[in-house]
Amino acid sequence: MDFLRWLFEAQIPIGGSALVLREVLGNIFGLLSALGGMRRKVWAWPLGIIGNGLLLTVFLGNVFGAATPATLWGQAARQVMFIGVAGYGWYRWRQARISGSQGQAIVPGWAGNNVRIALAGAMIAGTAALTPLFGALGSYPPVWADAWTFMGSLLATYGMARGWTEFWLIWVAVDIVGVPLLFSAGYYASAVMYLFYGFFTLAGFFVWWRADKREHRSTGAAAVTVGAAL
């Protein structure tokens, strides 16, 4: 109990203000999860779940009685969503590794035009549908930005679980809107981390792109070898 009390009350003084320790730790776990995702390691999912649990308590700070700048229902709800989708991704990547993918949990691939259109449509429709809901719950304005980050996070996490290379670009779209929102709401640690994520996700996109090209080259070479043997 003493540890939990310390965890919920601990702050890191920065200049004339302070950062909530749980916010910093949650984002560190999130960064480690993103690094594991770039390397296609199964351990990325459980680390992400730990970070999501910590950040959930941060964005619902008023509910827990903590002195946080603002309540962001979209940010809080997406932590719950992350945990649920991460369970699916954890299972899917473990199964892929067991079935054999040269030591990697998943083999990257492109979603295809039809899926891209569906993802874009879901992003727009979901944002429009959730904006009045989050507004009614009292989310920090502009409420559409909170809804946008929620929908983008949902689609990006699902895309990562499926092994779609495009999921990195969805994260970029989330960061473009989410970083100004977090700065405005006073969540400076999360804002700085998501600003870093923006560059990190671009790097991740090219890493997965190159991995996809290597996989296709190796598959093609194997096919040629088999053909020659026949």
Protein backbone atom coordinates (compact mmCIF):
# COMPACT_ATOMS: atom_id res chain seq x y z
CA MET A 1 0.00 0.00 0.00
CA ASP A 2 2.85 2.37 0.80
CA PHE A 3 4.31 1.75 -2.66
CA LEU A 4 0.98 2.45 -4.37
CA ARG A 5 0.51 5.63 -2.35
CA TRP A 6 4.01 6.76 -3.31
CA LEU A 7 3.41 5.86 -6.97
CA PHE A 8 0.19 7.87 -7.14
CA GLU A 9 1.60 10.89 -5.32
CA ALA A 10 5.19 11.02 -6.64
CA GLN A 11 6.11 13.99 -8.81
CA ILE A 12 9.29 15.14 -10.55
CA PRO A 13 9.99 18.85 -10.00
CA ILE A 14 10.82 20.71 -13.21
CA GLY A 15 11.54 24.40 -12.78
CA GLY A 16 8.53 25.97 -11.13
CA SER A 17 6.22 23.03 -11.92
CA ALA A 18 6.24 19.25 -11.60
CA LEU A 19 5.65 16.17 -13.74
CA VAL A 20 3.56 13.25 -12.51
CA LEU A 21 5.89 10.25 -12.16
CA ARG A 22 3.25 7.85 -13.51
CA GLU A 23 3.02 9.90 -16.69
CA VAL A 24 6.78 9.71 -17.20
CA LEU A 25 6.94 5.98 -16.44
CA GLY A 26 3.94 5.23 -18.65
CA ASN A 27 5.56 6.97 -21.59
CA ILE A 28 8.88 5.22 -21.00
CA PHE A 29 7.12 1.85 -21.16
CA GLY A 30 5.34 3.07 -24.28
CA LEU A 31 8.65 3.98 -25.90
CA LEU A 32 10.13 0.58 -25.06
CA SER A 33 7.03 -1.04 -26.53
CA ALA A 34 7.42 0.97 -29.73
CA LEU A 35 11.08 -0.07 -29.94
CA GLY A 36 10.06 -3.70 -29.55
CA GLY A 37 7.40 -3.24 -32.21
CA MET A 38 9.96 -1.85 -34.63
CA ARG A 39 12.09 -4.94 -34.01
CA ARG A 40 8.99 -7.18 -34.21
CA LYS A 41 9.48 -8.65 -30.73
CA VAL A 42 6.59 -10.21 -28.82
CA TRP A 43 7.64 -8.52 -25.57
CA ALA A 44 6.56 -5.20 -27.05
CA TRP A 45 2.93 -5.99 -26.18
CA PRO A 46 3.19 -6.69 -22.41
CA LEU A 47 5.45 -3.66 -21.91
CA GLY A 48 2.90 -1.56 -23.74
CA ILE A 49 0.11 -2.86 -21.51
CA ILE A 50 2.02 -1.78 -18.39
CA GLY A 51 2.49 1.70 -19.83
CA ASN A 52 -1.18 1.92 -20.81
CA GLY A 53 -2.26 1.02 -17.29
CA LEU A 54 -0.09 3.77 -15.82
CA LEU A 55 -1.27 6.39 -18.31
CA LEU A 56 -4.90 5.45 -17.70
CA THR A 57 -4.55 6.59 -14.11
CA VAL A 58 -2.92 9.81 -15.31
CA PHE A 59 -5.57 10.91 -17.82
CA LEU A 60 -8.29 10.03 -15.30
CA GLY A 61 -6.38 12.02 -12.69
CA ASN A 62 -9.46 13.84 -11.44
CA VAL A 63 -11.19 10.52 -10.86
CA PHE A 64 -8.24 9.33 -8.77
CA GLY A 65 -8.03 12.64 -6.97
CA ALA A 66 -4.68 13.57 -8.47
CA ALA A 67 -3.77 17.13 -9.37
CA THR A 68 -3.65 16.83 -13.14
CA PRO A 69 -4.19 19.74 -15.55
CA ALA A 70 -7.27 18.36 -17.32
CA THR A 71 -9.30 15.23 -17.88
CA LEU A 72 -8.91 13.79 -21.37
CA TRP A 73 -11.55 11.11 -21.80
CA GLY A 74 -10.34 10.21 -25.27
CA GLN A 75 -6.78 9.72 -24.02
CA ALA A 76 -8.06 7.68 -21.08
CA ALA A 77 -10.37 5.56 -23.23
CA ARG A 78 -7.62 4.80 -25.69
CA GLN A 79 -5.50 3.35 -22.88
CA VAL A 80 -8.30 0.86 -22.22
CA MET A 81 -8.54 0.22 -25.96
CA PHE A 82 -4.76 -0.27 -26.14
CA ILE A 83 -4.89 -2.93 -23.45
CA GLY A 84 -7.66 -4.82 -25.25
CA VAL A 85 -6.07 -4.65 -28.71
CA ALA A 86 -2.64 -5.40 -27.24
CA GLY A 87 -4.03 -8.68 -25.93
CA TYR A 88 -5.04 -9.57 -29.50
CA GLY A 89 -1.67 -8.46 -30.88
CA TRP A 90 0.23 -10.38 -28.21
CA TYR A 91 -1.66 -13.57 -29.07
CA ARG A 92 -1.29 -13.07 -32.83
CA TRP A 93 2.44 -12.37 -32.71
CA ARG A 94 3.08 -15.32 -30.38
CA GLN A 95 1.23 -17.62 -32.76
CA ALA A 96 3.19 -16.24 -35.72
CA ARG A 97 6.50 -16.83 -33.93
CA ILE A 98 5.49 -20.38 -32.99
CA SER A 99 4.53 -21.13 -36.59
CA GLY A 100 7.97 -19.90 -37.64
CA SER A 101 9.00 -16.58 -39.21
CA GLN A 102 12.81 -16.70 -39.00
CA GLY A 103 12.93 -15.63 -35.36
CA GLN A 104 10.58 -12.69 -35.83
CA ALA A 105 7.08 -12.45 -34.40
CA ILE A 106 5.50 -11.14 -37.59
CA VAL A 107 6.39 -10.60 -41.24
CA PRO A 108 5.54 -7.04 -42.38
CA GLY A 109 3.31 -6.55 -45.39
CA TRP A 110 1.21 -3.89 -47.10
CA ALA A 111 -2.48 -3.64 -46.30
CA GLY A 112 -3.58 -2.92 -49.88
CA ASN A 113 -5.69 -0.15 -51.39
CA ASN A 114 -9.06 -1.46 -50.23
CA VAL A 115 -7.90 -1.69 -46.62
CA ARG A 116 -6.31 1.77 -46.82
CA ILE A 117 -9.60 3.26 -47.99
CA ALA A 118 -11.42 1.44 -45.19
CA LEU A 119 -8.92 2.72 -42.61
CA ALA A 120 -9.26 6.32 -43.83
CA GLY A 121 -13.05 6.05 -43.78
CA ALA A 122 -13.04 4.57 -40.28
CA MET A 123 -10.73 7.35 -39.08
CA ILE A 124 -13.03 10.11 -40.32
CA ALA A 125 -16.32 8.44 -39.37
CA GLY A 126 -15.06 7.40 -35.94
CA THR A 127 -13.78 10.88 -35.16
CA ALA A 128 -17.10 12.43 -36.16
CA ALA A 129 -19.06 9.92 -34.08
CA LEU A 130 -16.92 10.17 -30.94
CA THR A 131 -16.53 13.96 -30.85
CA PRO A 132 -20.01 14.68 -29.40
CA LEU A 133 -19.64 11.77 -26.96
CA PHE A 134 -16.32 12.98 -25.60
CA GLY A 135 -17.72 16.52 -25.55
CA ALA A 136 -20.66 15.41 -23.41
CA LEU A 137 -18.21 13.72 -21.02
CA GLY A 138 -16.34 17.01 -20.62
CA SER A 139 -13.16 16.24 -22.54
CA TYR A 140 -10.63 19.02 -23.02
CA PRO A 141 -11.17 21.10 -26.20
CA PRO A 142 -10.82 20.88 -29.11
CA VAL A 143 -12.75 17.68 -28.52
CA TRP A 144 -12.40 16.47 -32.12
CA ALA A 145 -8.63 16.26 -31.57
CA ASP A 146 -9.19 13.94 -28.61
CA ALA A 147 -11.50 11.78 -30.74
CA TRP A 148 -8.99 11.81 -33.62
CA THR A 149 -6.15 10.54 -31.41
CA PHE A 150 -8.41 7.81 -30.04
CA MET A 151 -9.49 6.53 -33.45
CA GLY A 152 -5.99 6.78 -34.91
CA SER A 153 -4.54 4.90 -31.95
CA LEU A 154 -7.13 2.15 -32.32
CA LEU A 155 -6.47 1.71 -36.04
CA ALA A 156 -2.68 1.92 -35.67
CA THR A 157 -2.58 -0.66 -32.89
CA TYR A 158 -4.81 -3.02 -34.87
CA GLY A 159 -2.63 -2.49 -37.96
CA MET A 160 0.47 -3.35 -35.93
CA ALA A 161 -1.19 -6.54 -34.72
CA ARG A 162 -1.99 -7.49 -38.32
CA GLY A 163 1.53 -6.65 -39.51
CA TRP A 164 0.51 -3.84 -41.88
CA THR A 165 3.42 -1.48 -42.59
CA GLU A 166 1.01 1.45 -43.00
CA PHE A 167 0.26 1.45 -39.27
CA TRP A 168 3.36 3.59 -38.70
CA LEU A 169 1.91 6.35 -40.90
CA ILE A 170 -1.33 6.30 -38.91
CA TRP A 171 0.75 7.00 -35.81
CA VAL A 172 2.27 10.00 -37.57
CA ALA A 173 -1.25 11.34 -38.21
CA VAL A 174 -2.08 10.79 -34.53
CA ASP A 175 1.03 12.65 -33.36
CA ILE A 176 0.41 15.66 -35.62
CA VAL A 177 -2.88 16.29 -33.81
CA GLY A 178 -2.10 14.76 -30.42
CA VAL A 179 1.10 16.67 -29.60
CA PRO A 180 -0.49 20.17 -29.72
CA LEU A 181 -3.49 18.85 -27.76
CA LEU A 182 -1.31 17.45 -24.98
CA PHE A 183 0.77 20.63 -24.73
CA SER A 184 -2.41 22.69 -24.57
CA ALA A 185 -3.90 20.47 -21.85
CA GLY A 186 -0.72 20.68 -19.75
CA TYR A 187 0.50 17.08 -20.17
CA TYR A 188 4.02 18.15 -21.03
CA ALA A 189 5.77 14.81 -20.45
CA SER A 190 3.35 13.01 -22.77
CA ALA A 191 3.56 15.82 -25.33
CA VAL A 192 7.36 15.66 -25.47
CA MET A 193 7.29 11.89 -25.72
CA TYR A 194 4.72 11.97 -28.53
CA LEU A 195 6.79 14.60 -30.33
CA PHE A 196 9.66 12.13 -30.21
CA TYR A 197 7.30 9.34 -31.30
CA GLY A 198 6.56 11.33 -34.45
CA PHE A 199 10.15 10.95 -35.63
CA PHE A 200 10.40 7.45 -34.22
CA THR A 201 7.34 6.26 -36.16
CA LEU A 202 8.76 7.58 -39.40
CA ALA A 203 11.92 5.59 -38.74
CA GLY A 204 9.79 2.54 -37.89
CA PHE A 205 7.94 2.86 -41.18
CA PHE A 206 11.17 2.64 -43.19
CA VAL A 207 12.47 -0.23 -41.04
CA TRP A 208 9.33 -2.28 -41.75
CA TRP A 209 9.38 -1.23 -45.42
CA ARG A 210 12.92 -2.54 -45.81
CA ALA A 211 12.01 -5.72 -43.90
CA ASP A 212 9.09 -6.30 -46.28
CA LYS A 213 11.38 -5.84 -49.30
CA ARG A 214 13.94 -8.27 -47.84
CA GLU A 215 11.20 -10.85 -47.21
CA HIS A 216 10.00 -10.61 -50.81
CA ARG A 217 13.57 -10.91 -52.15
CA SER A 218 14.26 -13.97 -50.02
CA THR A 219 10.95 -15.54 -51.03
CA GLY A 220 11.71 -14.89 -54.69
CA ALA A 221 15.21 -16.34 -54.37
CA ALA A 222 13.83 -19.46 -52.67
CA ALA A 223 11.30 -19.90 -55.48
CA VAL A 224 14.06 -19.64 -58.10
CA THR A 225 16.16 -22.20 -56.20
CA VAL A 226 13.28 -24.65 -55.97
CA GLY A 227 12.49 -24.14 -59.65
CA ALA A 228 16.08 -24.80 -60.63
CA ALA A 229 16.16 -27.95 -58.54
CA LEU A 230 13.04 -29.25 -60.24
